[in-house]
Amino acid sequence: MALLPLGVVMMISLIGYIGWRQGLYGGADAKAIISLAVLFPDAPYIYIGSTVFPLTPSVLNNFSITILTNAVVLSSIYPLLMLINNINSGNLSLPSCLLARCHGVDEIENVHGTLYHSIEGSLTPGLDLDALRMYLRWRGSSLATLLTSPSIHRDPDSITETFPATDGRIDVSCASAASSSAPEIDAGDSWGAAAFLNAVGPAYGTTPIMLRTGLERLSSNDTVWVSPGIPFLVPLFMGTLLALTAGNILIGLLSGFGLY
């Protein structure tokens, strides 16, 4: 009986690690999944009067599986809400309306998420907007300035000084940051994308091609599709609360339809 919870803990921990390696969520999300698996090797029972919580049983009597199942179910609701929002806004381009929201380019600097673009009917993730903010701070520029003069920003020779890129937060200003001399930039490095990543290191998984493609899209379109950046920790937290009270909501739904 002791081996079953231990095996499930190892399985959930492996799922958390593989999901992070595949880029499904961040390192903090993976650590949370592994921590929950270790903290709850077995399903807890809470007695309040004659009522026993959770109300529905756990799969394999393991609480971490219930939490993960709840988190996945809650995450699946968001595309439906996004579709409803896009229908109300009149943005019905498939498959974009199922996975992303349409934003005006001029507001992108204050949005969290990932640029998406459609290639032969499939939606492909592109530039992380946190990396875009880092790039603009590194150049000491702004999105409005870039949109006004994209040809100048595209020219790597226009980078005469650089600034600390900080991170992808919105409420950070580079105006008071100390500048430094520009790094050596290859003449063929359009937008200085490779030089930026060489200077700051990994920027939310961005590659020079992703950065250049994203900048070209922003400079040549009035609107773009953005997949909202919602950490998996949010549905994971809500899934934990539901697991402690309602239990496994998937089993509860299936039971309600007589399928379990």
C-alpha atoms as a PDB file:
ATOM      1  CA  MET A   1       0.000   0.000   0.000  1.00  0.00           C
ATOM      2  CA  ALA A   2       2.928   2.317   0.617  1.00  0.00           C
ATOM      3  CA  LEU A   3       4.354   1.730  -2.860  1.00  0.00           C
ATOM      4  CA  LEU A   4       1.272   3.025  -4.697  1.00  0.00           C
ATOM      5  CA  PRO A   5       1.397   6.629  -3.323  1.00  0.00           C
ATOM      6  CA  LEU A   6       5.163   6.662  -3.834  1.00  0.00           C
ATOM      7  CA  GLY A   7       4.764   5.563  -7.445  1.00  0.00           C
ATOM      8  CA  VAL A   8       2.109   8.211  -8.103  1.00  0.00           C
ATOM      9  CA  VAL A   9       4.316  10.901  -6.519  1.00  0.00           C
ATOM     10  CA  MET A  10       7.142   9.925  -8.868  1.00  0.00           C
ATOM     11  CA  MET A  11       4.744   9.888 -11.853  1.00  0.00           C
ATOM     12  CA  ILE A  12       3.315  13.363 -11.107  1.00  0.00           C
ATOM     13  CA  SER A  13       6.808  14.747 -10.492  1.00  0.00           C
ATOM     14  CA  LEU A  14       7.912  13.338 -13.843  1.00  0.00           C
ATOM     15  CA  ILE A  15       4.873  14.911 -15.536  1.00  0.00           C
ATOM     16  CA  GLY A  16       5.774  18.268 -13.968  1.00  0.00           C
ATOM     17  CA  TYR A  17       9.370  18.006 -15.175  1.00  0.00           C
ATOM     18  CA  ILE A  18       8.481  16.875 -18.713  1.00  0.00           C
ATOM     19  CA  GLY A  19       5.875  19.641 -19.068  1.00  0.00           C
ATOM     20  CA  TRP A  20       8.495  22.232 -18.166  1.00  0.00           C
ATOM     21  CA  ARG A  21      11.053  20.741 -20.569  1.00  0.00           C
ATOM     22  CA  GLN A  22       8.453  20.813 -23.363  1.00  0.00           C
ATOM     23  CA  GLY A  23       7.696  24.475 -22.673  1.00  0.00           C
ATOM     24  CA  LEU A  24       4.081  23.898 -21.555  1.00  0.00           C
ATOM     25  CA  TYR A  25       4.674  26.037 -18.471  1.00  0.00           C
ATOM     26  CA  GLY A  26       7.472  27.712 -16.541  1.00  0.00           C
ATOM     27  CA  GLY A  27       9.918  26.402 -13.986  1.00  0.00           C
ATOM     28  CA  ALA A  28       7.895  27.787 -11.050  1.00  0.00           C
ATOM     29  CA  ASP A  29       4.835  25.871 -12.258  1.00  0.00           C
ATOM     30  CA  ALA A  30       6.849  22.648 -12.507  1.00  0.00           C
ATOM     31  CA  LYS A  31       8.225  23.122  -8.973  1.00  0.00           C
ATOM     32  CA  ALA A  32       4.694  23.704  -7.678  1.00  0.00           C
ATOM     33  CA  ILE A  33       3.457  20.476  -9.292  1.00  0.00           C
ATOM     34  CA  ILE A  34       6.359  18.479  -7.837  1.00  0.00           C
ATOM     35  CA  SER A  35       5.925  20.096  -4.405  1.00  0.00           C
ATOM     36  CA  LEU A  36       2.199  19.297  -4.325  1.00  0.00           C
ATOM     37  CA  ALA A  37       2.949  15.700  -5.297  1.00  0.00           C
ATOM     38  CA  VAL A  38       5.368  15.379  -2.361  1.00  0.00           C
ATOM     39  CA  LEU A  39       3.163  17.257   0.139  1.00  0.00           C
ATOM     40  CA  PHE A  40       0.055  15.209  -0.668  1.00  0.00           C
ATOM     41  CA  PRO A  41       1.112  11.584  -1.239  1.00  0.00           C
ATOM     42  CA  ASP A  42      -2.353  10.518  -0.110  1.00  0.00           C
ATOM     43  CA  ALA A  43      -5.841  12.041  -0.173  1.00  0.00           C
ATOM     44  CA  PRO A  44      -6.769  14.072   2.940  1.00  0.00           C
ATOM     45  CA  TYR A  45     -10.190  13.846   4.587  1.00  0.00           C
ATOM     46  CA  ILE A  46     -11.768  16.800   6.377  1.00  0.00           C
ATOM     47  CA  TYR A  47     -14.747  16.166   8.674  1.00  0.00           C
ATOM     48  CA  ILE A  48     -17.184  19.030   9.278  1.00  0.00           C
ATOM     49  CA  GLY A  49     -20.167  17.695  11.180  1.00  0.00           C
ATOM     50  CA  SER A  50     -21.549  14.802   9.204  1.00  0.00           C
ATOM     51  CA  THR A  51     -20.010  16.028   5.933  1.00  0.00           C
ATOM     52  CA  VAL A  52     -16.739  14.635   4.674  1.00  0.00           C
ATOM     53  CA  PHE A  53     -14.580  16.702   2.355  1.00  0.00           C
ATOM     54  CA  PRO A  54     -13.566  16.279  -0.443  1.00  0.00           C
ATOM     55  CA  LEU A  55     -17.049  15.459  -1.711  1.00  0.00           C
ATOM     56  CA  THR A  56     -15.852  13.291  -4.619  1.00  0.00           C
ATOM     57  CA  PRO A  57     -13.081  10.666  -4.462  1.00  0.00           C
ATOM     58  CA  SER A  58      -9.530  11.048  -5.741  1.00  0.00           C
ATOM     59  CA  VAL A  59      -8.174   9.029  -8.625  1.00  0.00           C
ATOM     60  CA  LEU A  60      -6.041   6.186  -7.202  1.00  0.00           C
ATOM     61  CA  ASN A  61      -6.691   7.833  -3.819  1.00  0.00           C
ATOM     62  CA  ASN A  62      -3.933  10.344  -4.654  1.00  0.00           C
ATOM     63  CA  PHE A  63      -4.568  14.015  -3.996  1.00  0.00           C
ATOM     64  CA  SER A  64      -1.904  15.374  -6.356  1.00  0.00           C
ATOM     65  CA  ILE A  65      -3.607  13.680  -9.319  1.00  0.00           C
ATOM     66  CA  THR A  66      -6.876  15.336  -8.286  1.00  0.00           C
ATOM     67  CA  ILE A  67      -5.163  18.739  -8.127  1.00  0.00           C
ATOM     68  CA  LEU A  68      -3.553  18.294 -11.533  1.00  0.00           C
ATOM     69  CA  THR A  69      -6.821  17.032 -13.061  1.00  0.00           C
ATOM     70  CA  ASN A  70      -8.709  20.022 -11.653  1.00  0.00           C
ATOM     71  CA  ALA A  71      -6.073  22.416 -12.964  1.00  0.00           C
ATOM     72  CA  VAL A  72      -6.281  20.937 -16.471  1.00  0.00           C
ATOM     73  CA  VAL A  73     -10.093  21.113 -16.454  1.00  0.00           C
ATOM     74  CA  LEU A  74     -10.014  24.747 -15.300  1.00  0.00           C
ATOM     75  CA  SER A  75      -7.404  25.591 -17.950  1.00  0.00           C
ATOM     76  CA  SER A  76      -9.671  24.148 -20.650  1.00  0.00           C
ATOM     77  CA  ILE A  77     -12.402  26.638 -19.735  1.00  0.00           C
ATOM     78  CA  TYR A  78     -10.290  29.648 -20.713  1.00  0.00           C
ATOM     79  CA  PRO A  79     -10.309  28.976 -24.508  1.00  0.00           C
ATOM     80  CA  LEU A  80     -14.124  28.897 -24.344  1.00  0.00           C
ATOM     81  CA  LEU A  81     -14.197  32.257 -22.559  1.00  0.00           C
ATOM     82  CA  MET A  82     -11.715  33.616 -25.104  1.00  0.00           C
ATOM     83  CA  LEU A  83     -13.921  32.404 -27.970  1.00  0.00           C
ATOM     84  CA  ILE A  84     -16.961  34.128 -26.446  1.00  0.00           C
ATOM     85  CA  ASN A  85     -14.948  37.338 -26.081  1.00  0.00           C
ATOM     86  CA  ASN A  86     -13.777  37.129 -29.707  1.00  0.00           C
ATOM     87  CA  ILE A  87     -17.339  36.474 -30.918  1.00  0.00           C
ATOM     88  CA  ASN A  88     -18.544  39.564 -29.041  1.00  0.00           C
ATOM     89  CA  SER A  89     -15.689  41.557 -30.605  1.00  0.00           C
ATOM     90  CA  GLY A  90     -16.402  40.216 -34.094  1.00  0.00           C
ATOM     91  CA  ASN A  91     -13.018  38.476 -34.372  1.00  0.00           C
ATOM     92  CA  LEU A  92     -13.927  35.060 -35.786  1.00  0.00           C
ATOM     93  CA  SER A  93     -10.752  34.088 -37.620  1.00  0.00           C
ATOM     94  CA  LEU A  94     -10.100  30.368 -37.078  1.00  0.00           C
ATOM     95  CA  PRO A  95      -8.117  28.940 -35.372  1.00  0.00           C
ATOM     96  CA  SER A  96      -6.877  32.240 -33.946  1.00  0.00           C
ATOM     97  CA  CYS A  97     -10.119  33.063 -32.096  1.00  0.00           C
ATOM     98  CA  LEU A  98      -9.816  29.819 -30.090  1.00  0.00           C
ATOM     99  CA  LEU A  99      -6.292  30.406 -28.782  1.00  0.00           C
ATOM    100  CA  ALA A 100      -5.626  34.132 -28.839  1.00  0.00           C
ATOM    101  CA  ARG A 101      -7.093  37.614 -28.596  1.00  0.00           C
ATOM    102  CA  CYS A 102      -6.859  40.369 -31.170  1.00  0.00           C
ATOM    103  CA  HIS A 103      -5.053  43.495 -29.938  1.00  0.00           C
ATOM    104  CA  GLY A 104      -4.151  46.778 -31.520  1.00  0.00           C
ATOM    105  CA  VAL A 105      -0.402  47.048 -32.085  1.00  0.00           C
ATOM    106  CA  ASP A 106      -0.243  50.336 -30.181  1.00  0.00           C
ATOM    107  CA  GLU A 107      -1.361  48.619 -26.933  1.00  0.00           C
ATOM    108  CA  ILE A 108       0.946  45.596 -27.136  1.00  0.00           C
ATOM    109  CA  GLU A 109       3.596  47.131 -24.889  1.00  0.00           C
ATOM    110  CA  ASN A 110       1.155  46.860 -21.945  1.00  0.00           C
ATOM    111  CA  VAL A 111      -0.018  43.294 -22.646  1.00  0.00           C
ATOM    112  CA  HIS A 112       1.321  40.001 -21.308  1.00  0.00           C
ATOM    113  CA  GLY A 113       1.317  37.030 -23.637  1.00  0.00           C
ATOM    114  CA  THR A 114       2.779  35.611 -26.837  1.00  0.00           C
ATOM    115  CA  LEU A 115       2.361  36.791 -30.411  1.00  0.00           C
ATOM    116  CA  TYR A 116       0.680  34.184 -32.570  1.00  0.00           C
ATOM    117  CA  HIS A 117       0.570  33.946 -36.335  1.00  0.00           C
ATOM    118  CA  SER A 118      -1.254  31.644 -38.715  1.00  0.00           C
ATOM    119  CA  ILE A 119       0.782  29.501 -41.095  1.00  0.00           C
ATOM    120  CA  GLU A 120      -1.173  27.316 -43.532  1.00  0.00           C
ATOM    121  CA  GLY A 121      -4.184  27.211 -41.236  1.00  0.00           C
ATOM    122  CA  SER A 122      -2.282  26.389 -38.029  1.00  0.00           C
ATOM    123  CA  LEU A 123      -1.546  28.829 -35.253  1.00  0.00           C
ATOM    124  CA  THR A 124       2.114  29.052 -34.292  1.00  0.00           C
ATOM    125  CA  PRO A 125       3.507  30.722 -31.141  1.00  0.00           C
ATOM    126  CA  GLY A 126       6.026  33.459 -31.698  1.00  0.00           C
ATOM    127  CA  LEU A 127       7.555  36.341 -29.766  1.00  0.00           C
ATOM    128  CA  ASP A 128       6.939  36.564 -26.025  1.00  0.00           C
ATOM    129  CA  LEU A 129       5.865  40.139 -25.237  1.00  0.00           C
ATOM    130  CA  ASP A 130       8.007  40.122 -22.094  1.00  0.00           C
ATOM    131  CA  ALA A 131      11.028  39.645 -24.368  1.00  0.00           C
ATOM    132  CA  LEU A 132       9.783  42.520 -26.546  1.00  0.00           C
ATOM    133  CA  ARG A 133       9.787  44.846 -23.527  1.00  0.00           C
ATOM    134  CA  MET A 134      13.310  43.712 -22.641  1.00  0.00           C
ATOM    135  CA  TYR A 135      14.453  44.382 -26.206  1.00  0.00           C
ATOM    136  CA  LEU A 136      12.967  47.885 -26.246  1.00  0.00           C
ATOM    137  CA  ARG A 137      14.594  48.724 -22.893  1.00  0.00           C
ATOM    138  CA  TRP A 138      17.903  47.336 -24.118  1.00  0.00           C
ATOM    139  CA  ARG A 139      17.704  49.729 -27.067  1.00  0.00           C
ATOM    140  CA  GLY A 140      16.477  52.622 -24.920  1.00  0.00           C
ATOM    141  CA  SER A 141      13.459  52.890 -27.196  1.00  0.00           C
ATOM    142  CA  SER A 142       9.703  52.397 -27.041  1.00  0.00           C
ATOM    143  CA  LEU A 143       7.127  50.620 -29.138  1.00  0.00           C
ATOM    144  CA  ALA A 144       5.660  53.924 -30.334  1.00  0.00           C
ATOM    145  CA  THR A 145       9.093  55.060 -31.545  1.00  0.00           C
ATOM    146  CA  LEU A 146       9.730  51.712 -33.228  1.00  0.00           C
ATOM    147  CA  LEU A 147       6.392  51.850 -35.060  1.00  0.00           C
ATOM    148  CA  THR A 148       7.133  55.394 -36.216  1.00  0.00           C
ATOM    149  CA  SER A 149      10.545  54.527 -37.655  1.00  0.00           C
ATOM    150  CA  PRO A 150      10.830  50.754 -38.233  1.00  0.00           C
ATOM    151  CA  SER A 151      13.456  51.137 -40.955  1.00  0.00           C
ATOM    152  CA  ILE A 152      15.808  52.897 -38.539  1.00  0.00           C
ATOM    153  CA  HIS A 153      15.315  50.242 -35.857  1.00  0.00           C
ATOM    154  CA  ARG A 154      15.812  47.505 -38.443  1.00  0.00           C
ATOM    155  CA  ASP A 155      19.287  48.879 -39.208  1.00  0.00           C
ATOM    156  CA  PRO A 156      21.794  47.399 -36.696  1.00  0.00           C
ATOM    157  CA  ASP A 157      24.058  50.440 -37.173  1.00  0.00           C
ATOM    158  CA  SER A 158      21.399  52.551 -35.435  1.00  0.00           C
ATOM    159  CA  ILE A 159      22.301  50.898 -32.110  1.00  0.00           C
ATOM    160  CA  THR A 160      24.900  53.280 -30.707  1.00  0.00           C
ATOM    161  CA  GLU A 161      24.304  52.581 -27.003  1.00  0.00           C
ATOM    162  CA  THR A 162      22.413  50.016 -24.980  1.00  0.00           C
ATOM    163  CA  PHE A 163      20.633  49.974 -21.625  1.00  0.00           C
ATOM    164  CA  PRO A 164      19.931  47.302 -18.995  1.00  0.00           C
ATOM    165  CA  ALA A 165      17.145  45.079 -20.323  1.00  0.00           C
ATOM    166  CA  THR A 166      15.824  44.359 -16.779  1.00  0.00           C
ATOM    167  CA  ASP A 167      12.961  41.858 -17.182  1.00  0.00           C
ATOM    168  CA  GLY A 168       9.583  41.528 -18.848  1.00  0.00           C
ATOM    169  CA  ARG A 169       7.568  43.511 -16.306  1.00  0.00           C
ATOM    170  CA  ILE A 170       5.428  46.354 -17.594  1.00  0.00           C
ATOM    171  CA  ASP A 171       6.078  48.833 -14.769  1.00  0.00           C
ATOM    172  CA  VAL A 172       9.810  49.241 -15.374  1.00  0.00           C
ATOM    173  CA  SER A 173      11.382  52.318 -16.919  1.00  0.00           C
ATOM    174  CA  CYS A 174      14.814  52.436 -18.539  1.00  0.00           C
ATOM    175  CA  ALA A 175      14.913  56.251 -18.574  1.00  0.00           C
ATOM    176  CA  SER A 176      17.149  56.504 -15.515  1.00  0.00           C
ATOM    177  CA  ALA A 177      19.202  53.410 -16.266  1.00  0.00           C
ATOM    178  CA  ALA A 178      22.883  53.892 -16.944  1.00  0.00           C
ATOM    179  CA  SER A 179      23.782  53.272 -20.561  1.00  0.00           C
ATOM    180  CA  SER A 180      26.730  51.398 -21.945  1.00  0.00           C
ATOM    181  CA  SER A 181      28.515  51.433 -25.273  1.00  0.00           C
ATOM    182  CA  ALA A 182      26.962  49.373 -28.029  1.00  0.00           C
ATOM    183  CA  PRO A 183      28.279  45.828 -28.497  1.00  0.00           C
ATOM    184  CA  GLU A 184      29.791  44.736 -31.766  1.00  0.00           C
ATOM    185  CA  ILE A 185      26.877  44.006 -34.080  1.00  0.00           C
ATOM    186  CA  ASP A 186      27.069  42.143 -37.355  1.00  0.00           C
ATOM    187  CA  ALA A 187      25.936  44.184 -40.352  1.00  0.00           C
ATOM    188  CA  GLY A 188      23.496  41.428 -41.319  1.00  0.00           C
ATOM    189  CA  ASP A 189      21.905  41.258 -37.870  1.00  0.00           C
ATOM    190  CA  SER A 190      18.644  43.066 -38.675  1.00  0.00           C
ATOM    191  CA  TRP A 191      16.996  44.738 -35.675  1.00  0.00           C
ATOM    192  CA  GLY A 192      20.127  43.788 -33.668  1.00  0.00           C
ATOM    193  CA  ALA A 193      18.218  40.678 -32.562  1.00  0.00           C
ATOM    194  CA  ALA A 194      21.201  38.357 -32.188  1.00  0.00           C
ATOM    195  CA  ALA A 195      23.235  41.047 -30.424  1.00  0.00           C
ATOM    196  CA  PHE A 196      20.388  41.605 -27.956  1.00  0.00           C
ATOM    197  CA  LEU A 197      20.147  37.914 -27.044  1.00  0.00           C
ATOM    198  CA  ASN A 198      23.922  37.601 -26.815  1.00  0.00           C
ATOM    199  CA  ALA A 199      23.928  40.519 -24.382  1.00  0.00           C
ATOM    200  CA  VAL A 200      21.031  39.508 -22.118  1.00  0.00           C
ATOM    201  CA  GLY A 201      21.058  35.712 -22.468  1.00  0.00           C
ATOM    202  CA  PRO A 202      17.858  33.627 -22.611  1.00  0.00           C
ATOM    203  CA  ALA A 203      14.812  35.901 -22.861  1.00  0.00           C
ATOM    204  CA  TYR A 204      11.735  33.755 -22.311  1.00  0.00           C
ATOM    205  CA  GLY A 205      12.822  31.229 -24.925  1.00  0.00           C
ATOM    206  CA  THR A 206      13.208  33.841 -27.659  1.00  0.00           C
ATOM    207  CA  THR A 207      15.421  33.200 -30.687  1.00  0.00           C
ATOM    208  CA  PRO A 208      16.743  35.852 -33.107  1.00  0.00           C
ATOM    209  CA  ILE A 209      14.324  34.619 -35.790  1.00  0.00           C
ATOM    210  CA  MET A 210      11.358  34.826 -33.401  1.00  0.00           C
ATOM    211  CA  LEU A 211      12.339  38.363 -32.396  1.00  0.00           C
ATOM    212  CA  ARG A 212      12.818  39.547 -35.979  1.00  0.00           C
ATOM    213  CA  THR A 213       9.553  37.934 -37.123  1.00  0.00           C
ATOM    214  CA  GLY A 214       7.650  39.495 -34.233  1.00  0.00           C
ATOM    215  CA  LEU A 215       9.108  42.951 -34.865  1.00  0.00           C
ATOM    216  CA  GLU A 216       8.271  42.713 -38.572  1.00  0.00           C
ATOM    217  CA  ARG A 217       4.686  41.738 -37.762  1.00  0.00           C
ATOM    218  CA  LEU A 218       4.288  44.570 -35.287  1.00  0.00           C
ATOM    219  CA  SER A 219       5.728  47.124 -37.701  1.00  0.00           C
ATOM    220  CA  SER A 220       3.583  46.020 -40.655  1.00  0.00           C
ATOM    221  CA  ASN A 221       0.158  45.355 -39.044  1.00  0.00           C
ATOM    222  CA  ASP A 222      -2.438  47.388 -37.185  1.00  0.00           C
ATOM    223  CA  THR A 223      -3.633  44.406 -35.124  1.00  0.00           C
ATOM    224  CA  VAL A 224      -2.024  41.154 -33.975  1.00  0.00           C
ATOM    225  CA  TRP A 225      -3.170  37.971 -32.230  1.00  0.00           C
ATOM    226  CA  VAL A 226      -1.867  37.463 -28.701  1.00  0.00           C
ATOM    227  CA  SER A 227      -2.231  34.358 -26.556  1.00  0.00           C
ATOM    228  CA  PRO A 228      -2.671  35.633 -22.965  1.00  0.00           C
ATOM    229  CA  GLY A 229       0.182  34.860 -20.609  1.00  0.00           C
ATOM    230  CA  ILE A 230      -1.543  33.129 -17.679  1.00  0.00           C
ATOM    231  CA  PRO A 231       0.781  31.151 -15.389  1.00  0.00           C
ATOM    232  CA  PHE A 232      -0.308  27.555 -14.799  1.00  0.00           C
ATOM    233  CA  LEU A 233       0.019  28.391 -11.091  1.00  0.00           C
ATOM    234  CA  VAL A 234      -3.360  30.171 -11.290  1.00  0.00           C
ATOM    235  CA  PRO A 235      -5.460  27.105 -12.273  1.00  0.00           C
ATOM    236  CA  LEU A 236      -3.172  24.986 -10.073  1.00  0.00           C
ATOM    237  CA  PHE A 237      -4.058  27.102  -7.038  1.00  0.00           C
ATOM    238  CA  MET A 238      -7.773  27.050  -7.854  1.00  0.00           C
ATOM    239  CA  GLY A 239      -7.513  23.303  -8.518  1.00  0.00           C
ATOM    240  CA  THR A 240      -6.040  22.800  -5.042  1.00  0.00           C
ATOM    241  CA  LEU A 241      -8.897  24.686  -3.374  1.00  0.00           C
ATOM    242  CA  LEU A 242     -11.445  22.667  -5.341  1.00  0.00           C
ATOM    243  CA  ALA A 243      -9.626  19.425  -4.527  1.00  0.00           C
ATOM    244  CA  LEU A 244      -9.878  20.174  -0.799  1.00  0.00           C
ATOM    245  CA  THR A 245     -13.621  20.869  -0.999  1.00  0.00           C
ATOM    246  CA  ALA A 246     -15.375  19.466  -4.074  1.00  0.00           C
ATOM    247  CA  GLY A 247     -12.712  16.862  -4.832  1.00  0.00           C
ATOM    248  CA  ASN A 248     -12.080  15.695  -8.377  1.00  0.00           C
ATOM    249  CA  ILE A 249     -14.351  17.904 -10.507  1.00  0.00           C
ATOM    250  CA  LEU A 250     -13.857  15.721 -13.584  1.00  0.00           C
ATOM    251  CA  ILE A 251     -15.192  12.684 -11.724  1.00  0.00           C
ATOM    252  CA  GLY A 252     -17.984  14.859 -10.351  1.00  0.00           C
ATOM    253  CA  LEU A 253     -18.980  15.957 -13.881  1.00  0.00           C
ATOM    254  CA  LEU A 254     -18.809  12.413 -15.227  1.00  0.00           C
ATOM    255  CA  SER A 255     -20.879  11.149 -12.298  1.00  0.00           C
ATOM    256  CA  GLY A 256     -23.458  13.838 -12.931  1.00  0.00           C
ATOM    257  CA  PHE A 257     -23.910  12.561 -16.479  1.00  0.00           C
ATOM    258  CA  GLY A 258     -23.939   8.945 -15.312  1.00  0.00           C
ATOM    259  CA  LEU A 259     -20.610   8.170 -16.986  1.00  0.00           C
ATOM    260  CA  TYR A 260     -18.658   7.186 -13.860  1.00  0.00           C
END
